[in-house]
mmCIF file of all heavy atoms, coordinates in Angstrom:
data_MODEL
# 
_entry.id   MODEL 
# 
loop_
_atom_site.group_PDB 
_atom_site.id 
_atom_site.type_symbol 
_atom_site.label_atom_id 
_atom_site.label_alt_id 
_atom_site.label_comp_id 
_atom_site.label_asym_id 
_atom_site.label_entity_id 
_atom_site.label_seq_id 
_atom_site.pdbx_PDB_ins_code 
_atom_site.Cartn_x 
_atom_site.Cartn_y 
_atom_site.Cartn_z 
_atom_site.occupancy 
_atom_site.B_iso_or_equiv 
_atom_site.pdbx_formal_charge 
_atom_site.auth_seq_id 
_atom_site.auth_comp_id 
_atom_site.auth_asym_id 
_atom_site.auth_atom_id 
_atom_site.pdbx_PDB_model_num 
ATOM 1   N N   . GLU A 1 1  ? 78.503 111.450 122.538 1.00 0.00 ? 1  GLU A N   1 
ATOM 2   C CA  . GLU A 1 1  ? 78.086 112.525 123.431 1.00 0.00 ? 1  GLU A CA  1 
ATOM 3   C C   . GLU A 1 1  ? 79.253 112.990 124.302 1.00 0.00 ? 1  GLU A C   1 
ATOM 4   O O   . GLU A 1 1  ? 80.185 112.238 124.562 1.00 0.00 ? 1  GLU A O   1 
ATOM 5   C CB  . GLU A 1 1  ? 76.950 112.037 124.335 1.00 0.00 ? 1  GLU A CB  1 
ATOM 6   C CG  . GLU A 1 1  ? 75.705 111.629 123.570 1.00 0.00 ? 1  GLU A CG  1 
ATOM 7   C CD  . GLU A 1 1  ? 74.709 110.930 124.462 1.00 0.00 ? 1  GLU A CD  1 
ATOM 8   O OE1 . GLU A 1 1  ? 74.166 111.590 125.364 1.00 0.00 ? 1  GLU A OE1 1 
ATOM 9   O OE2 . GLU A 1 1  ? 74.491 109.730 124.254 1.00 0.00 ? 1  GLU A OE2 1 
ATOM 10  N N   . ASP A 1 2  ? 79.169 114.228 124.773 1.00 0.00 ? 2  ASP A N   1 
ATOM 11  C CA  . ASP A 1 2  ? 80.181 114.776 125.659 1.00 0.00 ? 2  ASP A CA  1 
ATOM 12  C C   . ASP A 1 2  ? 80.009 114.142 127.032 1.00 0.00 ? 2  ASP A C   1 
ATOM 13  O O   . ASP A 1 2  ? 78.936 114.194 127.625 1.00 0.00 ? 2  ASP A O   1 
ATOM 14  C CB  . ASP A 1 2  ? 80.027 116.303 125.734 1.00 0.00 ? 2  ASP A CB  1 
ATOM 15  C CG  . ASP A 1 2  ? 81.157 116.954 126.477 1.00 0.00 ? 2  ASP A CG  1 
ATOM 16  O OD1 . ASP A 1 2  ? 82.300 116.448 126.406 1.00 0.00 ? 2  ASP A OD1 1 
ATOM 17  O OD2 . ASP A 1 2  ? 80.910 117.974 127.149 1.00 0.00 ? 2  ASP A OD2 1 
ATOM 18  N N   . ILE A 1 3  ? 81.061 113.541 127.540 1.00 0.00 ? 3  ILE A N   1 
ATOM 19  C CA  . ILE A 1 3  ? 81.016 112.879 128.839 1.00 0.00 ? 3  ILE A CA  1 
ATOM 20  C C   . ILE A 1 3  ? 81.510 113.865 129.893 1.00 0.00 ? 3  ILE A C   1 
ATOM 21  O O   . ILE A 1 3  ? 82.628 114.362 129.813 1.00 0.00 ? 3  ILE A O   1 
ATOM 22  C CB  . ILE A 1 3  ? 81.912 111.611 128.852 1.00 0.00 ? 3  ILE A CB  1 
ATOM 23  C CG1 . ILE A 1 3  ? 81.540 110.668 127.718 1.00 0.00 ? 3  ILE A CG1 1 
ATOM 24  C CG2 . ILE A 1 3  ? 81.852 110.925 130.208 1.00 0.00 ? 3  ILE A CG2 1 
ATOM 25  C CD1 . ILE A 1 3  ? 80.145 110.111 127.763 1.00 0.00 ? 3  ILE A CD1 1 
ATOM 26  N N   . THR A 1 4  ? 80.665 114.137 130.860 1.00 0.00 ? 4  THR A N   1 
ATOM 27  C CA  . THR A 1 4  ? 81.034 115.006 131.970 1.00 0.00 ? 4  THR A CA  1 
ATOM 28  C C   . THR A 1 4  ? 80.732 114.263 133.264 1.00 0.00 ? 4  THR A C   1 
ATOM 29  O O   . THR A 1 4  ? 79.968 113.299 133.280 1.00 0.00 ? 4  THR A O   1 
ATOM 30  C CB  . THR A 1 4  ? 80.238 116.326 131.945 1.00 0.00 ? 4  THR A CB  1 
ATOM 31  O OG1 . THR A 1 4  ? 78.839 116.021 131.987 1.00 0.00 ? 4  THR A OG1 1 
ATOM 32  C CG2 . THR A 1 4  ? 80.550 117.138 130.705 1.00 0.00 ? 4  THR A CG2 1 
ATOM 33  N N   . SER A 1 5  ? 81.310 114.723 134.339 1.00 0.00 ? 5  SER A N   1 
ATOM 34  C CA  . SER A 1 5  ? 81.033 114.094 135.622 1.00 0.00 ? 5  SER A CA  1 
ATOM 35  C C   . SER A 1 5  ? 79.567 114.330 135.980 1.00 0.00 ? 5  SER A C   1 
ATOM 36  O O   . SER A 1 5  ? 79.092 115.464 135.950 1.00 0.00 ? 5  SER A O   1 
ATOM 37  C CB  . SER A 1 5  ? 81.935 114.679 136.704 1.00 0.00 ? 5  SER A CB  1 
ATOM 38  O OG  . SER A 1 5  ? 81.679 114.038 137.930 1.00 0.00 ? 5  SER A OG  1 
ATOM 39  N N   . PRO A 1 6  ? 78.842 113.278 136.296 1.00 0.00 ? 6  PRO A N   1 
ATOM 40  C CA  . PRO A 1 6  ? 77.408 113.424 136.589 1.00 0.00 ? 6  PRO A CA  1 
ATOM 41  C C   . PRO A 1 6  ? 77.130 113.851 138.025 1.00 0.00 ? 6  PRO A C   1 
ATOM 42  O O   . PRO A 1 6  ? 76.179 113.400 138.655 1.00 0.00 ? 6  PRO A O   1 
ATOM 43  C CB  . PRO A 1 6  ? 76.866 112.020 136.300 1.00 0.00 ? 6  PRO A CB  1 
ATOM 44  C CG  . PRO A 1 6  ? 78.012 111.117 136.559 1.00 0.00 ? 6  PRO A CG  1 
ATOM 45  C CD  . PRO A 1 6  ? 79.259 111.893 136.219 1.00 0.00 ? 6  PRO A CD  1 
ATOM 46  N N   . THR A 1 7  ? 77.950 114.755 138.570 1.00 0.00 ? 7  THR A N   1 
ATOM 47  C CA  . THR A 1 7  ? 77.858 115.150 139.966 1.00 0.00 ? 7  THR A CA  1 
ATOM 48  C C   . THR A 1 7  ? 76.451 115.557 140.373 1.00 0.00 ? 7  THR A C   1 
ATOM 49  O O   . THR A 1 7  ? 75.951 115.125 141.404 1.00 0.00 ? 7  THR A O   1 
ATOM 50  C CB  . THR A 1 7  ? 78.840 116.310 140.254 1.00 0.00 ? 7  THR A CB  1 
ATOM 51  O OG1 . THR A 1 7  ? 80.148 115.870 139.904 1.00 0.00 ? 7  THR A OG1 1 
ATOM 52  C CG2 . THR A 1 7  ? 78.814 116.697 141.713 1.00 0.00 ? 7  THR A CG2 1 
ATOM 53  N N   . PHE A 1 8  ? 75.800 116.377 139.576 1.00 0.00 ? 8  PHE A N   1 
ATOM 54  C CA  . PHE A 1 8  ? 74.481 116.866 139.970 1.00 0.00 ? 8  PHE A CA  1 
ATOM 55  C C   . PHE A 1 8  ? 73.362 115.961 139.474 1.00 0.00 ? 8  PHE A C   1 
ATOM 56  O O   . PHE A 1 8  ? 72.277 115.955 140.024 1.00 0.00 ? 8  PHE A O   1 
ATOM 57  C CB  . PHE A 1 8  ? 74.288 118.309 139.496 1.00 0.00 ? 8  PHE A CB  1 
ATOM 58  C CG  . PHE A 1 8  ? 75.264 119.239 140.153 1.00 0.00 ? 8  PHE A CG  1 
ATOM 59  C CD1 . PHE A 1 8  ? 76.362 119.715 139.471 1.00 0.00 ? 8  PHE A CD1 1 
ATOM 60  C CD2 . PHE A 1 8  ? 75.097 119.597 141.483 1.00 0.00 ? 8  PHE A CD2 1 
ATOM 61  C CE1 . PHE A 1 8  ? 77.280 120.548 140.088 1.00 0.00 ? 8  PHE A CE1 1 
ATOM 62  C CE2 . PHE A 1 8  ? 76.016 120.431 142.114 1.00 0.00 ? 8  PHE A CE2 1 
ATOM 63  C CZ  . PHE A 1 8  ? 77.103 120.908 141.417 1.00 0.00 ? 8  PHE A CZ  1 
ATOM 64  N N   . ASN A 1 9  ? 73.609 115.193 138.430 1.00 0.00 ? 9  ASN A N   1 
ATOM 65  C CA  . ASN A 1 9  ? 72.604 114.267 137.900 1.00 0.00 ? 9  ASN A CA  1 
ATOM 66  C C   . ASN A 1 9  ? 72.645 112.932 138.624 1.00 0.00 ? 9  ASN A C   1 
ATOM 67  O O   . ASN A 1 9  ? 71.693 112.182 138.589 1.00 0.00 ? 9  ASN A O   1 
ATOM 68  C CB  . ASN A 1 9  ? 72.856 113.998 136.414 1.00 0.00 ? 9  ASN A CB  1 
ATOM 69  C CG  . ASN A 1 9  ? 72.818 115.251 135.590 1.00 0.00 ? 9  ASN A CG  1 
ATOM 70  O OD1 . ASN A 1 9  ? 73.530 116.189 135.858 1.00 0.00 ? 9  ASN A OD1 1 
ATOM 71  N ND2 . ASN A 1 9  ? 71.993 115.251 134.572 1.00 0.00 ? 9  ASN A ND2 1 
ATOM 72  N N   . ILE A 1 10 ? 73.751 112.591 139.210 1.00 0.00 ? 10 ILE A N   1 
ATOM 73  C CA  . ILE A 1 10 ? 74.061 111.328 139.872 1.00 0.00 ? 10 ILE A CA  1 
ATOM 74  C C   . ILE A 1 10 ? 74.263 110.207 138.856 1.00 0.00 ? 10 ILE A C   1 
ATOM 75  O O   . ILE A 1 10 ? 75.270 109.528 138.882 1.00 0.00 ? 10 ILE A O   1 
ATOM 76  C CB  . ILE A 1 10 ? 73.032 110.933 140.958 1.00 0.00 ? 10 ILE A CB  1 
ATOM 77  C CG1 . ILE A 1 10 ? 72.983 112.045 142.011 1.00 0.00 ? 10 ILE A CG1 1 
ATOM 78  C CG2 . ILE A 1 10 ? 73.405 109.608 141.597 1.00 0.00 ? 10 ILE A CG2 1 
ATOM 79  C CD1 . ILE A 1 10 ? 71.840 111.929 142.973 1.00 0.00 ? 10 ILE A CD1 1 
ATOM 80  N N   . ILE A 1 11 ? 73.302 109.995 137.945 1.00 0.00 ? 11 ILE A N   1 
ATOM 81  C CA  . ILE A 1 11 ? 73.436 108.928 136.940 1.00 0.00 ? 11 ILE A CA  1 
ATOM 82  C C   . ILE A 1 11 ? 73.166 109.510 135.558 1.00 0.00 ? 11 ILE A C   1 
ATOM 83  O O   . ILE A 1 11 ? 72.145 110.162 135.348 1.00 0.00 ? 11 ILE A O   1 
ATOM 84  C CB  . ILE A 1 11 ? 72.450 107.775 137.206 1.00 0.00 ? 11 ILE A CB  1 
ATOM 85  C CG1 . ILE A 1 11 ? 72.663 107.173 138.594 1.00 0.00 ? 11 ILE A CG1 1 
ATOM 86  C CG2 . ILE A 1 11 ? 72.580 106.705 136.117 1.00 0.00 ? 11 ILE A CG2 1 
ATOM 87  C CD1 . ILE A 1 11 ? 71.602 106.193 139.025 1.00 0.00 ? 11 ILE A CD1 1 
ATOM 88  N N   . LYS A 1 12 ? 74.091 109.279 134.636 1.00 0.00 ? 12 LYS A N   1 
ATOM 89  C CA  . LYS A 1 12 ? 73.875 109.631 133.228 1.00 0.00 ? 12 LYS A CA  1 
ATOM 90  C C   . LYS A 1 12 ? 73.900 108.344 132.424 1.00 0.00 ? 12 LYS A C   1 
ATOM 91  O O   . LYS A 1 12 ? 74.779 107.499 132.611 1.00 0.00 ? 12 LYS A O   1 
ATOM 92  C CB  . LYS A 1 12 ? 74.963 110.579 132.722 1.00 0.00 ? 12 LYS A CB  1 
ATOM 93  C CG  . LYS A 1 12 ? 74.830 111.990 133.249 1.00 0.00 ? 12 LYS A CG  1 
ATOM 94  C CD  . LYS A 1 12 ? 75.802 112.919 132.541 1.00 0.00 ? 12 LYS A CD  1 
ATOM 95  C CE  . LYS A 1 12 ? 75.633 114.340 133.011 1.00 0.00 ? 12 LYS A CE  1 
ATOM 96  N NZ  . LYS A 1 12 ? 76.600 115.235 132.378 1.00 0.00 ? 12 LYS A NZ  1 
ATOM 97  N N   . GLU A 1 13 ? 72.931 108.207 131.550 1.00 0.00 ? 13 GLU A N   1 
ATOM 98  C CA  . GLU A 1 13 ? 72.843 107.025 130.694 1.00 0.00 ? 13 GLU A CA  1 
ATOM 99  C C   . GLU A 1 13 ? 73.199 107.414 129.268 1.00 0.00 ? 13 GLU A C   1 
ATOM 100 O O   . GLU A 1 13 ? 72.656 108.366 128.730 1.00 0.00 ? 13 GLU A O   1 
ATOM 101 C CB  . GLU A 1 13 ? 71.426 106.439 130.736 1.00 0.00 ? 13 GLU A CB  1 
ATOM 102 C CG  . GLU A 1 13 ? 71.020 105.952 132.107 1.00 0.00 ? 13 GLU A CG  1 
ATOM 103 C CD  . GLU A 1 13 ? 69.653 105.290 132.116 1.00 0.00 ? 13 GLU A CD  1 
ATOM 104 O OE1 . GLU A 1 13 ? 69.146 104.899 131.035 1.00 0.00 ? 13 GLU A OE1 1 
ATOM 105 O OE2 . GLU A 1 13 ? 69.086 105.153 133.214 1.00 0.00 ? 13 GLU A OE2 1 
ATOM 106 N N   . TYR A 1 14 ? 74.121 106.658 128.675 1.00 0.00 ? 14 TYR A N   1 
ATOM 107 C CA  . TYR A 1 14 ? 74.521 106.862 127.293 1.00 0.00 ? 14 TYR A CA  1 
ATOM 108 C C   . TYR A 1 14 ? 74.211 105.569 126.545 1.00 0.00 ? 14 TYR A C   1 
ATOM 109 O O   . TYR A 1 14 ? 74.753 104.516 126.877 1.00 0.00 ? 14 TYR A O   1 
ATOM 110 C CB  . TYR A 1 14 ? 76.019 107.179 127.207 1.00 0.00 ? 14 TYR A CB  1 
ATOM 111 C CG  . TYR A 1 14 ? 76.425 108.391 128.008 1.00 0.00 ? 14 TYR A CG  1 
ATOM 112 C CD1 . TYR A 1 14 ? 76.888 108.262 129.320 1.00 0.00 ? 14 TYR A CD1 1 
ATOM 113 C CD2 . TYR A 1 14 ? 76.326 109.664 127.465 1.00 0.00 ? 14 TYR A CD2 1 
ATOM 114 C CE1 . TYR A 1 14 ? 77.257 109.381 130.052 1.00 0.00 ? 14 TYR A CE1 1 
ATOM 115 C CE2 . TYR A 1 14 ? 76.696 110.785 128.197 1.00 0.00 ? 14 TYR A CE2 1 
ATOM 116 C CZ  . TYR A 1 14 ? 77.162 110.632 129.490 1.00 0.00 ? 14 TYR A CZ  1 
ATOM 117 O OH  . TYR A 1 14 ? 77.516 111.734 130.219 1.00 0.00 ? 14 TYR A OH  1 
ATOM 118 N N   . THR A 1 15 ? 73.351 105.647 125.553 1.00 0.00 ? 15 THR A N   1 
ATOM 119 C CA  . THR A 1 15 ? 72.896 104.426 124.880 1.00 0.00 ? 15 THR A CA  1 
ATOM 120 C C   . THR A 1 15 ? 73.267 104.386 123.395 1.00 0.00 ? 15 THR A C   1 
ATOM 121 O O   . THR A 1 15 ? 72.785 103.522 122.672 1.00 0.00 ? 15 THR A O   1 
ATOM 122 C CB  . THR A 1 15 ? 71.366 104.280 125.036 1.00 0.00 ? 15 THR A CB  1 
ATOM 123 O OG1 . THR A 1 15 ? 70.741 105.446 124.505 1.00 0.00 ? 15 THR A OG1 1 
ATOM 124 C CG2 . THR A 1 15 ? 70.975 104.100 126.490 1.00 0.00 ? 15 THR A CG2 1 
ATOM 125 N N   . THR A 1 16 ? 74.131 105.297 122.953 1.00 0.00 ? 16 THR A N   1 
ATOM 126 C CA  . THR A 1 16 ? 74.452 105.363 121.530 1.00 0.00 ? 16 THR A CA  1 
ATOM 127 C C   . THR A 1 16 ? 75.685 104.559 121.133 1.00 0.00 ? 16 THR A C   1 
ATOM 128 O O   . THR A 1 16 ? 76.017 104.490 119.961 1.00 0.00 ? 16 THR A O   1 
ATOM 129 C CB  . THR A 1 16 ? 74.672 106.831 121.102 1.00 0.00 ? 16 THR A CB  1 
ATOM 130 O OG1 . THR A 1 16 ? 75.755 107.362 121.880 1.00 0.00 ? 16 THR A OG1 1 
ATOM 131 C CG2 . THR A 1 16 ? 73.417 107.657 121.306 1.00 0.00 ? 16 THR A CG2 1 
ATOM 132 N N   . GLY A 1 17 ? 76.369 103.941 122.089 1.00 0.00 ? 17 GLY A N   1 
ATOM 133 C CA  . GLY A 1 17 ? 77.596 103.213 121.784 1.00 0.00 ? 17 GLY A CA  1 
ATOM 134 C C   . GLY A 1 17 ? 77.374 101.733 121.579 1.00 0.00 ? 17 GLY A C   1 
ATOM 135 O O   . GLY A 1 17 ? 76.244 101.258 121.449 1.00 0.00 ? 17 GLY A O   1 
ATOM 136 N N   . GLU A 1 18 ? 78.471 100.996 121.549 1.00 0.00 ? 18 GLU A N   1 
ATOM 137 C CA  . GLU A 1 18 ? 78.426 99.544  121.355 1.00 0.00 ? 18 GLU A CA  1 
ATOM 138 C C   . GLU A 1 18 ? 77.599 98.861  122.435 1.00 0.00 ? 18 GLU A C   1 
ATOM 139 O O   . GLU A 1 18 ? 76.913 97.873  122.168 1.00 0.00 ? 18 GLU A O   1 
ATOM 140 C CB  . GLU A 1 18 ? 79.843 98.969  121.380 1.00 0.00 ? 18 GLU A CB  1 
ATOM 141 C CG  . GLU A 1 18 ? 80.715 99.411  120.237 1.00 0.00 ? 18 GLU A CG  1 
ATOM 142 C CD  . GLU A 1 18 ? 82.135 98.894  120.412 1.00 0.00 ? 18 GLU A CD  1 
ATOM 143 O OE1 . GLU A 1 18 ? 82.316 97.724  120.797 1.00 0.00 ? 18 GLU A OE1 1 
ATOM 144 O OE2 . GLU A 1 18 ? 83.069 99.669  120.173 1.00 0.00 ? 18 GLU A OE2 1 
ATOM 145 N N   . LEU A 1 19 ? 77.708 99.339  123.650 1.00 0.00 ? 19 LEU A N   1 
ATOM 146 C CA  . LEU A 1 19 ? 76.907 98.880  124.788 1.00 0.00 ? 19 LEU A CA  1 
ATOM 147 C C   . LEU A 1 19 ? 76.457 100.122 125.543 1.00 0.00 ? 19 LEU A C   1 
ATOM 148 O O   . LEU A 1 19 ? 77.125 101.154 125.500 1.00 0.00 ? 19 LEU A O   1 
ATOM 149 C CB  . LEU A 1 19 ? 77.738 98.000  125.737 1.00 0.00 ? 19 LEU A CB  1 
ATOM 150 C CG  . LEU A 1 19 ? 78.087 96.587  125.302 1.00 0.00 ? 19 LEU A CG  1 
ATOM 151 C CD1 . LEU A 1 19 ? 79.061 95.954  126.289 1.00 0.00 ? 19 LEU A CD1 1 
ATOM 152 C CD2 . LEU A 1 19 ? 76.836 95.736  125.195 1.00 0.00 ? 19 LEU A CD2 1 
ATOM 153 N N   . PRO A 1 20 ? 75.350 100.060 126.267 1.00 0.00 ? 20 PRO A N   1 
ATOM 154 C CA  . PRO A 1 20 ? 74.954 101.207 127.085 1.00 0.00 ? 20 PRO A CA  1 
ATOM 155 C C   . PRO A 1 20 ? 76.009 101.470 128.170 1.00 0.00 ? 20 PRO A C   1 
ATOM 156 O O   . PRO A 1 20 ? 76.627 100.534 128.682 1.00 0.00 ? 20 PRO A O   1 
ATOM 157 C CB  . PRO A 1 20 ? 73.638 100.763 127.729 1.00 0.00 ? 20 PRO A CB  1 
ATOM 158 C CG  . PRO A 1 20 ? 73.147 99.629  126.899 1.00 0.00 ? 20 PRO A CG  1 
ATOM 159 C CD  . PRO A 1 20 ? 74.373 98.968  126.336 1.00 0.00 ? 20 PRO A CD  1 
ATOM 160 N N   . LEU A 1 21 ? 76.202 102.737 128.480 1.00 0.00 ? 21 LEU A N   1 
ATOM 161 C CA  . LEU A 1 21 ? 77.111 103.137 129.553 1.00 0.00 ? 21 LEU A CA  1 
ATOM 162 C C   . LEU A 1 21 ? 76.295 103.871 130.604 1.00 0.00 ? 21 LEU A C   1 
ATOM 163 O O   . LEU A 1 21 ? 75.579 104.825 130.286 1.00 0.00 ? 21 LEU A O   1 
ATOM 164 C CB  . LEU A 1 21 ? 78.223 104.041 129.023 1.00 0.00 ? 21 LEU A CB  1 
ATOM 165 C CG  . LEU A 1 21 ? 79.160 104.640 130.084 1.00 0.00 ? 21 LEU A CG  1 
ATOM 166 C CD1 . LEU A 1 21 ? 79.938 103.541 130.808 1.00 0.00 ? 21 LEU A CD1 1 
ATOM 167 C CD2 . LEU A 1 21 ? 80.114 105.650 129.455 1.00 0.00 ? 21 LEU A CD2 1 
ATOM 168 N N   . TYR A 1 22 ? 76.408 103.420 131.836 1.00 0.00 ? 22 TYR A N   1 
ATOM 169 C CA  . TYR A 1 22 ? 75.744 104.060 132.970 1.00 0.00 ? 22 TYR A CA  1 
ATOM 170 C C   . TYR A 1 22 ? 76.850 104.660 133.831 1.00 0.00 ? 22 TYR A C   1 
ATOM 171 O O   . TYR A 1 22 ? 77.599 103.944 134.486 1.00 0.00 ? 22 TYR A O   1 
ATOM 172 C CB  . TYR A 1 22 ? 74.907 103.042 133.753 1.00 0.00 ? 22 TYR A CB  1 
ATOM 173 C CG  . TYR A 1 22 ? 73.995 102.252 132.850 1.00 0.00 ? 22 TYR A CG  1 
ATOM 174 C CD1 . TYR A 1 22 ? 74.177 100.893 132.652 1.00 0.00 ? 22 TYR A CD1 1 
ATOM 175 C CD2 . TYR A 1 22 ? 72.972 102.888 132.151 1.00 0.00 ? 22 TYR A CD2 1 
ATOM 176 C CE1 . TYR A 1 22 ? 73.353 100.168 131.802 1.00 0.00 ? 22 TYR A CE1 1 
ATOM 177 C CE2 . TYR A 1 22 ? 72.146 102.168 131.288 1.00 0.00 ? 22 TYR A CE2 1 
ATOM 178 C CZ  . TYR A 1 22 ? 72.349 100.810 131.125 1.00 0.00 ? 22 TYR A CZ  1 
ATOM 179 O OH  . TYR A 1 22 ? 71.537 100.102 130.272 1.00 0.00 ? 22 TYR A OH  1 
ATOM 180 N N   . HIS A 1 23 ? 76.958 105.985 133.766 1.00 0.00 ? 23 HIS A N   1 
ATOM 181 C CA  . HIS A 1 23 ? 78.028 106.707 134.433 1.00 0.00 ? 23 HIS A CA  1 
ATOM 182 C C   . HIS A 1 23 ? 77.451 107.369 135.679 1.00 0.00 ? 23 HIS A C   1 
ATOM 183 O O   . HIS A 1 23 ? 76.542 108.183 135.585 1.00 0.00 ? 23 HIS A O   1 
ATOM 184 C CB  . HIS A 1 23 ? 78.601 107.748 133.463 1.00 0.00 ? 23 HIS A CB  1 
ATOM 185 C CG  . HIS A 1 23 ? 79.781 108.495 133.982 1.00 0.00 ? 23 HIS A CG  1 
ATOM 186 N ND1 . HIS A 1 23 ? 80.159 109.711 133.449 1.00 0.00 ? 23 HIS A ND1 1 
ATOM 187 C CD2 . HIS A 1 23 ? 80.674 108.233 134.964 1.00 0.00 ? 23 HIS A CD2 1 
ATOM 188 C CE1 . HIS A 1 23 ? 81.230 110.139 134.081 1.00 0.00 ? 23 HIS A CE1 1 
ATOM 189 N NE2 . HIS A 1 23 ? 81.559 109.258 135.006 1.00 0.00 ? 23 HIS A NE2 1 
ATOM 190 N N   . MET A 1 24 ? 77.981 107.007 136.839 1.00 0.00 ? 24 MET A N   1 
ATOM 191 C CA  . MET A 1 24 ? 77.446 107.496 138.101 1.00 0.00 ? 24 MET A CA  1 
ATOM 192 C C   . MET A 1 24 ? 78.497 108.267 138.875 1.00 0.00 ? 24 MET A C   1 
ATOM 193 O O   . MET A 1 24 ? 79.676 107.934 138.833 1.00 0.00 ? 24 MET A O   1 
ATOM 194 C CB  . MET A 1 24 ? 76.985 106.322 138.967 1.00 0.00 ? 24 MET A CB  1 
ATOM 195 C CG  . MET A 1 24 ? 75.985 105.431 138.296 1.00 0.00 ? 24 MET A CG  1 
ATOM 196 S SD  . MET A 1 24 ? 75.572 104.040 139.371 1.00 0.00 ? 24 MET A SD  1 
ATOM 197 C CE  . MET A 1 24 ? 74.529 103.113 138.248 1.00 0.00 ? 24 MET A CE  1 
ATOM 198 N N   . ASP A 1 25 ? 78.040 109.276 139.598 1.00 0.00 ? 25 ASP A N   1 
ATOM 199 C CA  . ASP A 1 25 ? 78.881 110.004 140.534 1.00 0.00 ? 25 ASP A CA  1 
ATOM 200 C C   . ASP A 1 25 ? 78.095 110.057 141.839 1.00 0.00 ? 25 ASP A C   1 
ATOM 201 O O   . ASP A 1 25 ? 77.094 110.760 141.939 1.00 0.00 ? 25 ASP A O   1 
ATOM 202 C CB  . ASP A 1 25 ? 79.182 111.412 140.020 1.00 0.00 ? 25 ASP A CB  1 
ATOM 203 C CG  . ASP A 1 25 ? 80.120 112.182 140.941 1.00 0.00 ? 25 ASP A CG  1 
ATOM 204 O OD1 . ASP A 1 25 ? 80.057 111.984 142.164 1.00 0.00 ? 25 ASP A OD1 1 
ATOM 205 O OD2 . ASP A 1 25 ? 80.903 113.002 140.437 1.00 0.00 ? 25 ASP A OD2 1 
ATOM 206 N N   . VAL A 1 26 ? 78.538 109.295 142.823 1.00 0.00 ? 26 VAL A N   1 
ATOM 207 C CA  . VAL A 1 26 ? 77.782 109.160 144.070 1.00 0.00 ? 26 VAL A CA  1 
ATOM 208 C C   . VAL A 1 26 ? 78.366 109.998 145.205 1.00 0.00 ? 26 VAL A C   1 
ATOM 209 O O   . VAL A 1 26 ? 78.006 109.816 146.366 1.00 0.00 ? 26 VAL A O   1 
ATOM 210 C CB  . VAL A 1 26 ? 77.663 107.665 144.479 1.00 0.00 ? 26 VAL A CB  1 
ATOM 211 C CG1 . VAL A 1 26 ? 76.869 106.898 143.420 1.00 0.00 ? 26 VAL A CG1 1 
ATOM 212 C CG2 . VAL A 1 26 ? 79.019 107.029 144.686 1.00 0.00 ? 26 VAL A CG2 1 
# 
């Protein structure tokens, strides 16, 4: 998936990789 800064979402969850990635912008 395209990774963008989650500024407005705060938390984006990506679960398609080797491990889940929880990308946060606080």
